[in-house]
Amino acid sequence: MNNRLMLAALIVLLGAKLVDAQSPVGNTQPNIFQESSTIAFGSPTGKTLLFEGRPALHLYALNQFGDQVWQKTGIRDSESWLPKRVAMATGFSFLPEIRMNTDRSNPVRTPSYRIRATHQVLWMRRDKSDNLKYTIQGFKLTAFGHYSNGQSGCRLRGFAYAADANGDSVCVVANANIAARREVNIDNGDFSTSYFALAFDRRTGRIIDVTGAMRRSREWGAEYQVHPLGLKPGGADRDQASAYGTHEMVGRYAQESRHAVEHRLAGVFRWSVLGVVRFGPETKRLPRVETEVSYIFDQLATFGFFVRHHAGFDYYNIRYFDKRPFFSVGFKFDPGRLDLVATDVR
């Protein structure tokens, strides 16, 4: 079976699994201020891709966000020694990015691997005069994050690894004509960085009624990342940092609203914007902006469609040199979303 048929079969199976599910969706370990999963077909435009997958897997050693009393009152119903006015989550996220090219044999070149260990501390507040309203806000600490493409080639074409006087591997010119062009090796050029980060996020929302289903919400967040040179394991080297930078600022904003509540096409419409800028002491600023709209169907629980526009440096590891804008269109999966908020409606 070729790659297209295999991918189509996977989507059909996922759809069959989801079609019988009922939504809005309640979760005992919800993802709050975390990424969802997308699969784009025939995109990004102008990049000769068969598809791009950006799955998001979040696993937790501790997750208190499903505490029903905390969602109702802001105080957890627990005998734990942890503070009762906050809920916490300690987890591990696996955020790969895969692009399949339309070249001969449909190769997957320089796949991206992002892993992240985080700890979140969130406060929940209910409006005493209107218990249909709620606010969630708090911090997320990335104790360690790593982003790489798993490749071992030199970063520029025309170079190859050789041992220096100390026995360390260094890139030396293998083809002077090609090396003089300073072209990025997007086939197997090495890209690797490790980092720490701190983020603040806030969401204000309103539920429909005693069911607790979200009617509308707004959220915004900001994150600061530090990518130290040579951080072990997998930290950036000076050559990469000179172009990619050692710091990153992220800003995000999103709005959601539920539509056609009594209709079979009922679902959640979301639009969001993400802004990123990378910089360093000796690095020119690298900005990018992502704007996305999506619709998740209630009858399909966590499945829907999205359209995304990207401008600025490419987020796909070593391709950050590419600054052409592009669109992505495809399917979206958001299984961990906090769609039901426990409430006491008087």
C-alpha atoms as a PDB file:
ATOM      1  CA  MET A   1       0.000   0.000   0.000  1.00  0.00           C
ATOM      2  CA  ASN A   2       1.506   3.385  -0.947  1.00  0.00           C
ATOM      3  CA  ASN A   3       1.886   6.315   1.434  1.00  0.00           C
ATOM      4  CA  ARG A   4      -1.237   8.142   0.244  1.00  0.00           C
ATOM      5  CA  LEU A   5      -3.485   5.113   0.785  1.00  0.00           C
ATOM      6  CA  MET A   6      -1.968   4.406   4.198  1.00  0.00           C
ATOM      7  CA  LEU A   7      -2.564   7.964   5.317  1.00  0.00           C
ATOM      8  CA  ALA A   8      -6.139   7.967   4.009  1.00  0.00           C
ATOM      9  CA  ALA A   9      -6.856   4.703   5.833  1.00  0.00           C
ATOM     10  CA  LEU A  10      -5.531   6.179   9.072  1.00  0.00           C
ATOM     11  CA  ILE A  11      -7.856   9.178   8.796  1.00  0.00           C
ATOM     12  CA  VAL A  12     -10.868   6.957   8.074  1.00  0.00           C
ATOM     13  CA  LEU A  13     -10.102   4.807  11.124  1.00  0.00           C
ATOM     14  CA  LEU A  14      -9.694   7.853  13.344  1.00  0.00           C
ATOM     15  CA  GLY A  15     -12.974   9.242  12.069  1.00  0.00           C
ATOM     16  CA  ALA A  16     -14.749   5.958  12.748  1.00  0.00           C
ATOM     17  CA  LYS A  17     -13.437   5.935  16.318  1.00  0.00           C
ATOM     18  CA  LEU A  18     -14.604   9.489  16.946  1.00  0.00           C
ATOM     19  CA  VAL A  19     -17.975   9.546  15.231  1.00  0.00           C
ATOM     20  CA  ASP A  20     -19.790   7.793  18.061  1.00  0.00           C
ATOM     21  CA  ALA A  21     -18.364  10.035  20.758  1.00  0.00           C
ATOM     22  CA  GLN A  22     -20.520  12.656  22.428  1.00  0.00           C
ATOM     23  CA  SER A  23     -19.356  16.195  23.064  1.00  0.00           C
ATOM     24  CA  PRO A  24     -18.783  18.623  24.738  1.00  0.00           C
ATOM     25  CA  VAL A  25     -15.855  16.674  26.099  1.00  0.00           C
ATOM     26  CA  GLY A  26     -14.984  16.253  29.772  1.00  0.00           C
ATOM     27  CA  ASN A  27     -11.529  15.121  30.839  1.00  0.00           C
ATOM     28  CA  THR A  28     -10.123  13.825  34.111  1.00  0.00           C
ATOM     29  CA  GLN A  29      -6.675  15.106  33.044  1.00  0.00           C
ATOM     30  CA  PRO A  30      -7.370  18.028  30.709  1.00  0.00           C
ATOM     31  CA  ASN A  31      -4.724  19.878  28.734  1.00  0.00           C
ATOM     32  CA  ILE A  32      -4.832  23.581  29.576  1.00  0.00           C
ATOM     33  CA  PHE A  33      -2.650  26.009  27.612  1.00  0.00           C
ATOM     34  CA  GLN A  34      -1.132  23.102  25.654  1.00  0.00           C
ATOM     35  CA  GLU A  35      -0.829  22.382  21.926  1.00  0.00           C
ATOM     36  CA  SER A  36      -3.350  20.400  19.845  1.00  0.00           C
ATOM     37  CA  SER A  37      -2.573  18.112  16.876  1.00  0.00           C
ATOM     38  CA  THR A  38      -2.921  18.905  13.169  1.00  0.00           C
ATOM     39  CA  ILE A  39      -2.402  17.089   9.868  1.00  0.00           C
ATOM     40  CA  ALA A  40      -2.150  19.218   6.710  1.00  0.00           C
ATOM     41  CA  PHE A  41      -2.410  17.784   3.194  1.00  0.00           C
ATOM     42  CA  GLY A  42      -0.740  19.113   0.073  1.00  0.00           C
ATOM     43  CA  SER A  43       0.679  21.949   2.104  1.00  0.00           C
ATOM     44  CA  PRO A  44       2.325  24.187   3.127  1.00  0.00           C
ATOM     45  CA  THR A  45       1.767  25.785  -0.277  1.00  0.00           C
ATOM     46  CA  GLY A  46       4.835  26.193  -2.397  1.00  0.00           C
ATOM     47  CA  LYS A  47       6.885  23.667  -0.389  1.00  0.00           C
ATOM     48  CA  THR A  48       6.301  20.566  -2.556  1.00  0.00           C
ATOM     49  CA  LEU A  49       4.925  18.536   0.350  1.00  0.00           C
ATOM     50  CA  LEU A  50       2.585  15.582   0.370  1.00  0.00           C
ATOM     51  CA  PHE A  51       1.588  16.308   3.956  1.00  0.00           C
ATOM     52  CA  GLU A  52       2.746  17.842   7.223  1.00  0.00           C
ATOM     53  CA  GLY A  53       1.922  16.312  10.601  1.00  0.00           C
ATOM     54  CA  ARG A  54       2.227  18.195  13.889  1.00  0.00           C
ATOM     55  CA  PRO A  55       0.951  15.734  16.542  1.00  0.00           C
ATOM     56  CA  ALA A  56       0.996  16.679  20.228  1.00  0.00           C
ATOM     57  CA  LEU A  57       1.224  14.052  22.969  1.00  0.00           C
ATOM     58  CA  HIS A  58       0.973  15.248  26.583  1.00  0.00           C
ATOM     59  CA  LEU A  59       1.583  12.728  29.391  1.00  0.00           C
ATOM     60  CA  TYR A  60       1.273  13.556  33.090  1.00  0.00           C
ATOM     61  CA  ALA A  61       2.834  12.303  36.305  1.00  0.00           C
ATOM     62  CA  LEU A  62       0.508  14.730  38.127  1.00  0.00           C
ATOM     63  CA  ASN A  63      -2.578  16.530  36.815  1.00  0.00           C
ATOM     64  CA  GLN A  64      -5.051  18.199  39.181  1.00  0.00           C
ATOM     65  CA  PHE A  65      -6.916  20.233  36.553  1.00  0.00           C
ATOM     66  CA  GLY A  66      -9.775  17.733  36.441  1.00  0.00           C
ATOM     67  CA  ASP A  67     -10.637  18.395  40.130  1.00  0.00           C
ATOM     68  CA  GLN A  68     -14.371  19.186  40.036  1.00  0.00           C
ATOM     69  CA  VAL A  69     -14.391  21.154  43.299  1.00  0.00           C
ATOM     70  CA  TRP A  70     -11.459  23.286  42.153  1.00  0.00           C
ATOM     71  CA  GLN A  71     -13.264  24.060  38.897  1.00  0.00           C
ATOM     72  CA  LYS A  72     -16.396  25.103  40.843  1.00  0.00           C
ATOM     73  CA  THR A  73     -14.811  27.069  43.664  1.00  0.00           C
ATOM     74  CA  GLY A  74     -11.111  27.582  43.013  1.00  0.00           C
ATOM     75  CA  ILE A  75     -10.230  25.420  46.037  1.00  0.00           C
ATOM     76  CA  ARG A  76      -9.298  21.768  45.596  1.00  0.00           C
ATOM     77  CA  ASP A  77     -11.083  19.073  47.594  1.00  0.00           C
ATOM     78  CA  SER A  78      -7.956  17.170  48.566  1.00  0.00           C
ATOM     79  CA  GLU A  79      -5.989  16.112  51.636  1.00  0.00           C
ATOM     80  CA  SER A  80      -2.735  16.661  49.764  1.00  0.00           C
ATOM     81  CA  TRP A  81      -0.042  18.886  51.301  1.00  0.00           C
ATOM     82  CA  LEU A  82      -0.041  20.945  48.112  1.00  0.00           C
ATOM     83  CA  PRO A  83      -1.704  24.402  48.264  1.00  0.00           C
ATOM     84  CA  LYS A  84      -5.462  24.019  47.810  1.00  0.00           C
ATOM     85  CA  ARG A  85      -6.031  27.281  45.971  1.00  0.00           C
ATOM     86  CA  VAL A  86      -3.961  26.179  43.002  1.00  0.00           C
ATOM     87  CA  ALA A  87      -3.996  23.132  40.781  1.00  0.00           C
ATOM     88  CA  MET A  88      -0.783  21.734  39.361  1.00  0.00           C
ATOM     89  CA  ALA A  89       0.347  19.512  36.530  1.00  0.00           C
ATOM     90  CA  THR A  90       3.738  17.958  35.950  1.00  0.00           C
ATOM     91  CA  GLY A  91       4.125  16.334  32.593  1.00  0.00           C
ATOM     92  CA  PHE A  92       6.101  15.399  29.545  1.00  0.00           C
ATOM     93  CA  SER A  93       5.220  16.553  26.014  1.00  0.00           C
ATOM     94  CA  PHE A  94       6.320  14.984  22.738  1.00  0.00           C
ATOM     95  CA  LEU A  95       5.806  17.413  19.841  1.00  0.00           C
ATOM     96  CA  PRO A  96       7.250  16.002  16.606  1.00  0.00           C
ATOM     97  CA  GLU A  97       6.818  17.635  13.204  1.00  0.00           C
ATOM     98  CA  ILE A  98       6.910  15.509  10.058  1.00  0.00           C
ATOM     99  CA  ARG A  99       6.920  16.673   6.452  1.00  0.00           C
ATOM    100  CA  MET A 100       6.725  14.208   3.575  1.00  0.00           C
ATOM    101  CA  ASN A 101       8.107  15.556   0.304  1.00  0.00           C
ATOM    102  CA  THR A 102       6.674  14.847  -3.122  1.00  0.00           C
ATOM    103  CA  ASP A 103      10.138  13.906  -4.396  1.00  0.00           C
ATOM    104  CA  ARG A 104      10.871  10.427  -5.693  1.00  0.00           C
ATOM    105  CA  SER A 105       9.924   7.813  -3.024  1.00  0.00           C
ATOM    106  CA  ASN A 106       8.204  10.518  -0.924  1.00  0.00           C
ATOM    107  CA  PRO A 107      11.058  10.939   1.572  1.00  0.00           C
ATOM    108  CA  VAL A 108      10.725  12.412   5.060  1.00  0.00           C
ATOM    109  CA  ARG A 109      13.706  14.731   5.307  1.00  0.00           C
ATOM    110  CA  THR A 110      15.083  16.204   8.530  1.00  0.00           C
ATOM    111  CA  PRO A 111      12.125  15.343  10.787  1.00  0.00           C
ATOM    112  CA  SER A 112      11.701  17.484  13.899  1.00  0.00           C
ATOM    113  CA  TYR A 113      11.749  16.160  17.448  1.00  0.00           C
ATOM    114  CA  ARG A 114      10.679  18.415  20.290  1.00  0.00           C
ATOM    115  CA  ILE A 115      10.459  17.018  23.821  1.00  0.00           C
ATOM    116  CA  ARG A 116       9.596  19.044  26.890  1.00  0.00           C
ATOM    117  CA  ALA A 117       9.282  18.510  30.656  1.00  0.00           C
ATOM    118  CA  THR A 118       6.956  21.084  32.240  1.00  0.00           C
ATOM    119  CA  HIS A 119       5.327  22.049  35.515  1.00  0.00           C
ATOM    120  CA  GLN A 120       2.151  24.160  35.533  1.00  0.00           C
ATOM    121  CA  VAL A 121       0.593  26.086  38.419  1.00  0.00           C
ATOM    122  CA  LEU A 122      -2.909  27.467  37.727  1.00  0.00           C
ATOM    123  CA  TRP A 123      -5.536  29.431  39.638  1.00  0.00           C
ATOM    124  CA  MET A 124      -9.270  29.062  38.929  1.00  0.00           C
ATOM    125  CA  ARG A 125     -11.679  31.890  39.847  1.00  0.00           C
ATOM    126  CA  ARG A 126     -15.481  31.831  39.546  1.00  0.00           C
ATOM    127  CA  ASP A 127     -17.523  35.023  39.382  1.00  0.00           C
ATOM    128  CA  LYS A 128     -19.625  35.146  42.573  1.00  0.00           C
ATOM    129  CA  SER A 129     -22.317  37.297  40.971  1.00  0.00           C
ATOM    130  CA  ASP A 130     -22.439  35.225  37.768  1.00  0.00           C
ATOM    131  CA  ASN A 131     -21.305  31.630  38.148  1.00  0.00           C
ATOM    132  CA  LEU A 132     -21.416  31.105  34.399  1.00  0.00           C
ATOM    133  CA  LYS A 133     -18.133  33.012  34.158  1.00  0.00           C
ATOM    134  CA  TYR A 134     -14.683  31.684  34.997  1.00  0.00           C
ATOM    135  CA  THR A 135     -11.037  32.692  34.844  1.00  0.00           C
ATOM    136  CA  ILE A 136      -7.989  30.415  34.684  1.00  0.00           C
ATOM    137  CA  GLN A 137      -4.483  31.816  34.855  1.00  0.00           C
ATOM    138  CA  GLY A 138      -1.026  30.758  35.877  1.00  0.00           C
ATOM    139  CA  PHE A 139       2.527  29.826  35.005  1.00  0.00           C
ATOM    140  CA  LYS A 140       4.202  27.046  33.044  1.00  0.00           C
ATOM    141  CA  LEU A 141       7.853  26.271  33.676  1.00  0.00           C
ATOM    142  CA  THR A 142       9.770  24.268  31.085  1.00  0.00           C
ATOM    143  CA  ALA A 143      12.357  22.567  33.271  1.00  0.00           C
ATOM    144  CA  PHE A 144      14.034  21.212  30.133  1.00  0.00           C
ATOM    145  CA  GLY A 145      13.180  21.310  26.455  1.00  0.00           C
ATOM    146  CA  HIS A 146      15.011  19.846  23.467  1.00  0.00           C
ATOM    147  CA  TYR A 147      14.455  20.479  19.762  1.00  0.00           C
ATOM    148  CA  SER A 148      16.437  18.735  17.017  1.00  0.00           C
ATOM    149  CA  ASN A 149      16.210  16.978  13.679  1.00  0.00           C
ATOM    150  CA  GLY A 150      18.281  13.885  14.467  1.00  0.00           C
ATOM    151  CA  GLN A 151      20.626  14.482  11.536  1.00  0.00           C
ATOM    152  CA  SER A 152      24.422  14.297  11.518  1.00  0.00           C
ATOM    153  CA  GLY A 153      25.486  16.062   8.323  1.00  0.00           C
ATOM    154  CA  CYS A 154      27.226  19.430   8.118  1.00  0.00           C
ATOM    155  CA  ARG A 155      24.970  22.470   8.195  1.00  0.00           C
ATOM    156  CA  LEU A 156      26.077  23.766   4.778  1.00  0.00           C
ATOM    157  CA  ARG A 157      26.409  21.933   1.472  1.00  0.00           C
ATOM    158  CA  GLY A 158      29.921  21.248   0.238  1.00  0.00           C
ATOM    159  CA  PHE A 159      31.257  20.512   3.722  1.00  0.00           C
ATOM    160  CA  ALA A 160      32.049  17.175   5.409  1.00  0.00           C
ATOM    161  CA  TYR A 161      33.144  16.082   8.869  1.00  0.00           C
ATOM    162  CA  ALA A 162      36.817  15.485   9.632  1.00  0.00           C
ATOM    163  CA  ALA A 163      38.872  15.103  12.809  1.00  0.00           C
ATOM    164  CA  ASP A 164      40.808  18.125  14.066  1.00  0.00           C
ATOM    165  CA  ALA A 165      44.094  18.087  16.025  1.00  0.00           C
ATOM    166  CA  ASN A 166      42.213  17.246  19.227  1.00  0.00           C
ATOM    167  CA  GLY A 167      40.316  14.402  17.628  1.00  0.00           C
ATOM    168  CA  ASP A 168      37.023  16.326  17.594  1.00  0.00           C
ATOM    169  CA  SER A 169      34.776  16.304  14.537  1.00  0.00           C
ATOM    170  CA  VAL A 170      34.667  19.553  12.582  1.00  0.00           C
ATOM    171  CA  CYS A 171      33.182  20.496   9.210  1.00  0.00           C
ATOM    172  CA  VAL A 172      35.752  21.159   6.497  1.00  0.00           C
ATOM    173  CA  VAL A 173      35.381  22.057   2.826  1.00  0.00           C
ATOM    174  CA  ALA A 174      34.790  18.969   0.690  1.00  0.00           C
ATOM    175  CA  ASN A 175      33.736  20.765  -2.514  1.00  0.00           C
ATOM    176  CA  ALA A 176      34.991  24.347  -2.817  1.00  0.00           C
ATOM    177  CA  ASN A 177      32.571  25.362  -5.589  1.00  0.00           C
ATOM    178  CA  ILE A 178      29.494  24.226  -3.654  1.00  0.00           C
ATOM    179  CA  ALA A 179      30.815  25.453  -0.299  1.00  0.00           C
ATOM    180  CA  ALA A 180      31.312  28.949  -1.724  1.00  0.00           C
ATOM    181  CA  ARG A 181      27.559  29.235  -2.334  1.00  0.00           C
ATOM    182  CA  ARG A 182      26.837  28.920   1.441  1.00  0.00           C
ATOM    183  CA  GLU A 183      23.700  26.845   0.816  1.00  0.00           C
ATOM    184  CA  VAL A 184      21.936  25.257   3.787  1.00  0.00           C
ATOM    185  CA  ASN A 185      22.004  21.446   3.795  1.00  0.00           C
ATOM    186  CA  ILE A 186      18.277  20.716   4.185  1.00  0.00           C
ATOM    187  CA  ASP A 187      18.724  16.998   3.422  1.00  0.00           C
ATOM    188  CA  ASN A 188      20.726  15.932   6.482  1.00  0.00           C
ATOM    189  CA  GLY A 189      22.221  19.094   7.982  1.00  0.00           C
ATOM    190  CA  ASP A 190      22.508  19.005  11.774  1.00  0.00           C
ATOM    191  CA  PHE A 191      20.154  21.121  13.910  1.00  0.00           C
ATOM    192  CA  SER A 192      19.953  20.810  17.698  1.00  0.00           C
ATOM    193  CA  THR A 193      19.128  23.069  20.628  1.00  0.00           C
ATOM    194  CA  SER A 194      18.068  22.671  24.264  1.00  0.00           C
ATOM    195  CA  TYR A 195      16.354  25.308  26.366  1.00  0.00           C
ATOM    196  CA  PHE A 196      14.521  26.479  29.484  1.00  0.00           C
ATOM    197  CA  ALA A 197      11.334  28.554  29.423  1.00  0.00           C
ATOM    198  CA  LEU A 198       8.769  30.348  31.585  1.00  0.00           C
ATOM    199  CA  ALA A 199       5.269  31.239  30.375  1.00  0.00           C
ATOM    200  CA  PHE A 200       2.225  33.030  31.768  1.00  0.00           C
ATOM    201  CA  ASP A 201      -1.257  32.259  30.387  1.00  0.00           C
ATOM    202  CA  ARG A 202      -4.744  33.564  31.139  1.00  0.00           C
ATOM    203  CA  ARG A 203      -8.183  32.435  29.957  1.00  0.00           C
ATOM    204  CA  THR A 204     -11.537  34.046  30.645  1.00  0.00           C
ATOM    205  CA  GLY A 205     -14.656  32.148  29.613  1.00  0.00           C
ATOM    206  CA  ARG A 206     -18.368  31.709  29.933  1.00  0.00           C
ATOM    207  CA  ILE A 207     -20.328  28.457  29.995  1.00  0.00           C
ATOM    208  CA  ILE A 208     -23.777  27.891  28.485  1.00  0.00           C
ATOM    209  CA  ASP A 209     -25.671  26.520  31.506  1.00  0.00           C
ATOM    210  CA  VAL A 210     -25.530  23.885  34.245  1.00  0.00           C
ATOM    211  CA  THR A 211     -24.011  21.402  31.777  1.00  0.00           C
ATOM    212  CA  GLY A 212     -20.770  23.387  31.985  1.00  0.00           C
ATOM    213  CA  ALA A 213     -20.202  23.466  28.223  1.00  0.00           C
ATOM    214  CA  MET A 214     -18.070  26.376  27.062  1.00  0.00           C
ATOM    215  CA  ARG A 215     -19.991  29.122  25.240  1.00  0.00           C
ATOM    216  CA  ARG A 216     -17.071  31.448  24.553  1.00  0.00           C
ATOM    217  CA  SER A 217     -13.588  32.149  25.848  1.00  0.00           C
ATOM    218  CA  ARG A 218     -10.577  34.351  25.306  1.00  0.00           C
ATOM    219  CA  GLU A 219      -7.003  33.558  26.187  1.00  0.00           C
ATOM    220  CA  TRP A 220      -3.584  35.109  25.870  1.00  0.00           C
ATOM    221  CA  GLY A 221      -0.116  34.125  26.888  1.00  0.00           C
ATOM    222  CA  ALA A 222       3.558  35.083  26.787  1.00  0.00           C
ATOM    223  CA  GLU A 223       6.663  32.911  26.996  1.00  0.00           C
ATOM    224  CA  TYR A 224      10.368  33.567  27.269  1.00  0.00           C
ATOM    225  CA  GLN A 225      12.909  30.896  26.255  1.00  0.00           C
ATOM    226  CA  VAL A 226      16.656  30.730  26.888  1.00  0.00           C
ATOM    227  CA  HIS A 227      18.792  28.428  24.702  1.00  0.00           C
ATOM    228  CA  PRO A 228      22.251  28.375  26.395  1.00  0.00           C
ATOM    229  CA  LEU A 229      25.270  27.575  24.237  1.00  0.00           C
ATOM    230  CA  GLY A 230      26.478  24.013  24.716  1.00  0.00           C
ATOM    231  CA  LEU A 231      23.737  23.012  27.179  1.00  0.00           C
ATOM    232  CA  LYS A 232      23.905  19.235  27.646  1.00  0.00           C
ATOM    233  CA  PRO A 233      22.398  17.209  26.168  1.00  0.00           C
ATOM    234  CA  GLY A 234      21.794  18.621  22.712  1.00  0.00           C
ATOM    235  CA  GLY A 235      22.514  22.310  23.189  1.00  0.00           C
ATOM    236  CA  ALA A 236      23.183  24.683  20.305  1.00  0.00           C
ATOM    237  CA  ASP A 237      26.741  25.332  19.156  1.00  0.00           C
ATOM    238  CA  ARG A 238      28.119  28.780  18.382  1.00  0.00           C
ATOM    239  CA  ASP A 239      27.745  28.363  14.621  1.00  0.00           C
ATOM    240  CA  GLN A 240      24.013  27.647  14.852  1.00  0.00           C
ATOM    241  CA  ALA A 241      23.460  30.315  17.503  1.00  0.00           C
ATOM    242  CA  SER A 242      25.058  32.959  15.259  1.00  0.00           C
ATOM    243  CA  ALA A 243      22.100  32.596  12.876  1.00  0.00           C
ATOM    244  CA  TYR A 244      19.308  31.084  15.024  1.00  0.00           C
ATOM    245  CA  GLY A 245      19.894  33.045  18.224  1.00  0.00           C
ATOM    246  CA  THR A 246      19.876  31.984  21.874  1.00  0.00           C
ATOM    247  CA  HIS A 247      16.645  33.616  23.070  1.00  0.00           C
ATOM    248  CA  GLU A 248      12.999  33.449  22.031  1.00  0.00           C
ATOM    249  CA  MET A 249       9.938  35.531  22.905  1.00  0.00           C
ATOM    250  CA  VAL A 250       6.458  34.137  22.195  1.00  0.00           C
ATOM    251  CA  GLY A 251       3.092  35.901  22.343  1.00  0.00           C
ATOM    252  CA  ARG A 252      -0.283  34.276  21.662  1.00  0.00           C
ATOM    253  CA  TYR A 253      -3.963  35.214  21.609  1.00  0.00           C
ATOM    254  CA  ALA A 254      -7.060  33.131  20.853  1.00  0.00           C
ATOM    255  CA  GLN A 255     -10.860  33.324  20.938  1.00  0.00           C
ATOM    256  CA  GLU A 256     -13.353  30.436  20.967  1.00  0.00           C
ATOM    257  CA  SER A 257     -17.132  30.282  20.651  1.00  0.00           C
ATOM    258  CA  ARG A 258     -19.674  27.472  20.407  1.00  0.00           C
ATOM    259  CA  HIS A 259     -22.168  27.664  17.533  1.00  0.00           C
ATOM    260  CA  ALA A 260     -25.385  25.908  16.465  1.00  0.00           C
ATOM    261  CA  VAL A 261     -25.754  24.315  19.913  1.00  0.00           C
ATOM    262  CA  GLU A 262     -28.892  22.306  19.037  1.00  0.00           C
ATOM    263  CA  HIS A 263     -27.801  21.435  15.490  1.00  0.00           C
ATOM    264  CA  ARG A 264     -25.970  18.318  14.294  1.00  0.00           C
ATOM    265  CA  LEU A 265     -23.184  20.603  12.999  1.00  0.00           C
ATOM    266  CA  ALA A 266     -22.712  22.174  16.422  1.00  0.00           C
ATOM    267  CA  GLY A 267     -19.124  22.837  17.355  1.00  0.00           C
ATOM    268  CA  VAL A 268     -16.410  25.201  18.518  1.00  0.00           C
ATOM    269  CA  PHE A 269     -15.008  27.901  16.251  1.00  0.00           C
ATOM    270  CA  ARG A 270     -11.536  29.149  17.194  1.00  0.00           C
ATOM    271  CA  TRP A 271      -9.202  31.725  15.756  1.00  0.00           C
ATOM    272  CA  SER A 272      -5.737  32.401  17.071  1.00  0.00           C
ATOM    273  CA  VAL A 273      -2.551  34.295  16.357  1.00  0.00           C
ATOM    274  CA  LEU A 274       0.952  33.328  17.435  1.00  0.00           C
ATOM    275  CA  GLY A 275       3.948  35.650  17.238  1.00  0.00           C
ATOM    276  CA  VAL A 276       7.547  34.524  17.741  1.00  0.00           C
ATOM    277  CA  VAL A 277      10.830  36.390  17.597  1.00  0.00           C
ATOM    278  CA  ARG A 278      14.285  34.843  18.042  1.00  0.00           C
ATOM    279  CA  PHE A 279      17.351  36.900  18.848  1.00  0.00           C
ATOM    280  CA  GLY A 280      20.787  36.817  20.453  1.00  0.00           C
ATOM    281  CA  PRO A 281      23.743  39.048  21.302  1.00  0.00           C
ATOM    282  CA  GLU A 282      25.194  38.722  17.801  1.00  0.00           C
ATOM    283  CA  THR A 283      22.075  37.613  15.894  1.00  0.00           C
ATOM    284  CA  LYS A 284      19.663  39.475  13.682  1.00  0.00           C
ATOM    285  CA  ARG A 285      16.066  39.147  14.818  1.00  0.00           C
ATOM    286  CA  LEU A 286      14.118  36.251  13.314  1.00  0.00           C
ATOM    287  CA  PRO A 287      10.333  36.875  13.500  1.00  0.00           C
ATOM    288  CA  ARG A 288       7.389  34.717  12.457  1.00  0.00           C
ATOM    289  CA  VAL A 289       3.591  34.948  12.755  1.00  0.00           C
ATOM    290  CA  GLU A 290       0.986  32.164  12.565  1.00  0.00           C
ATOM    291  CA  THR A 291      -2.712  32.930  12.123  1.00  0.00           C
ATOM    292  CA  GLU A 292      -5.177  30.029  12.352  1.00  0.00           C
ATOM    293  CA  VAL A 293      -8.923  29.407  12.230  1.00  0.00           C
ATOM    294  CA  SER A 294     -10.464  26.025  13.100  1.00  0.00           C
ATOM    295  CA  TYR A 295     -13.787  24.312  13.783  1.00  0.00           C
ATOM    296  CA  ILE A 296     -14.153  21.274  16.080  1.00  0.00           C
ATOM    297  CA  PHE A 297     -17.452  19.354  15.702  1.00  0.00           C
ATOM    298  CA  ASP A 298     -19.323  18.380  18.873  1.00  0.00           C
ATOM    299  CA  GLN A 299     -20.605  15.160  17.303  1.00  0.00           C
ATOM    300  CA  LEU A 300     -17.046  14.153  16.438  1.00  0.00           C
ATOM    301  CA  ALA A 301     -15.856  15.030  19.952  1.00  0.00           C
ATOM    302  CA  THR A 302     -12.333  16.266  19.244  1.00  0.00           C
ATOM    303  CA  PHE A 303     -12.070  16.302  15.444  1.00  0.00           C
ATOM    304  CA  GLY A 304     -12.387  19.190  12.991  1.00  0.00           C
ATOM    305  CA  PHE A 305     -10.699  21.290  10.317  1.00  0.00           C
ATOM    306  CA  PHE A 306      -8.221  24.154  10.287  1.00  0.00           C
ATOM    307  CA  VAL A 307      -6.671  26.745   7.970  1.00  0.00           C
ATOM    308  CA  ARG A 308      -3.353  28.323   8.934  1.00  0.00           C
ATOM    309  CA  HIS A 309      -1.246  31.088   7.402  1.00  0.00           C
ATOM    310  CA  HIS A 310       2.422  31.399   8.250  1.00  0.00           C
ATOM    311  CA  ALA A 311       4.767  34.321   7.587  1.00  0.00           C
ATOM    312  CA  GLY A 312       8.377  34.773   8.635  1.00  0.00           C
ATOM    313  CA  PHE A 313      11.090  32.233   9.381  1.00  0.00           C
ATOM    314  CA  ASP A 314      10.111  28.574   8.927  1.00  0.00           C
ATOM    315  CA  TYR A 315       9.568  26.770  12.249  1.00  0.00           C
ATOM    316  CA  TYR A 316      10.759  23.446  10.806  1.00  0.00           C
ATOM    317  CA  ASN A 317      14.239  23.005  12.391  1.00  0.00           C
ATOM    318  CA  ILE A 318      17.076  23.721   9.936  1.00  0.00           C
ATOM    319  CA  ARG A 319      14.704  25.366   7.459  1.00  0.00           C
ATOM    320  CA  TYR A 320      14.585  28.531   9.567  1.00  0.00           C
ATOM    321  CA  PHE A 321      16.511  30.212   6.733  1.00  0.00           C
ATOM    322  CA  ASP A 322      13.384  29.934   4.553  1.00  0.00           C
ATOM    323  CA  LYS A 323      11.152  33.008   5.008  1.00  0.00           C
ATOM    324  CA  ARG A 324       8.530  32.447   2.313  1.00  0.00           C
ATOM    325  CA  PRO A 325       4.899  32.712   3.539  1.00  0.00           C
ATOM    326  CA  PHE A 326       2.620  29.691   3.118  1.00  0.00           C
ATOM    327  CA  PHE A 327      -0.814  28.239   3.923  1.00  0.00           C
ATOM    328  CA  SER A 328      -1.686  24.935   5.585  1.00  0.00           C
ATOM    329  CA  VAL A 329      -5.130  23.286   5.408  1.00  0.00           C
ATOM    330  CA  GLY A 330      -6.177  20.026   7.021  1.00  0.00           C
ATOM    331  CA  PHE A 331      -7.577  18.170  10.034  1.00  0.00           C
ATOM    332  CA  LYS A 332      -7.303  19.116  13.679  1.00  0.00           C
ATOM    333  CA  PHE A 333      -7.479  16.853  16.766  1.00  0.00           C
ATOM    334  CA  ASP A 334      -7.891  18.321  20.255  1.00  0.00           C
ATOM    335  CA  PRO A 335      -8.636  15.384  22.589  1.00  0.00           C
ATOM    336  CA  GLY A 336      -7.412  16.940  25.831  1.00  0.00           C
ATOM    337  CA  ARG A 337      -9.252  20.262  25.647  1.00  0.00           C
ATOM    338  CA  LEU A 338     -11.056  21.602  28.730  1.00  0.00           C
ATOM    339  CA  ASP A 339     -14.497  21.904  27.162  1.00  0.00           C
ATOM    340  CA  LEU A 340     -16.654  21.150  30.236  1.00  0.00           C
ATOM    341  CA  VAL A 341     -16.165  23.221  33.369  1.00  0.00           C
ATOM    342  CA  ALA A 342     -17.775  21.860  36.540  1.00  0.00           C
ATOM    343  CA  THR A 343     -20.145  24.416  38.040  1.00  0.00           C
ATOM    344  CA  ASP A 344     -22.860  25.052  40.628  1.00  0.00           C
ATOM    345  CA  VAL A 345     -25.534  27.116  38.867  1.00  0.00           C
ATOM    346  CA  ARG A 346     -28.018  28.533  41.378  1.00  0.00           C
END
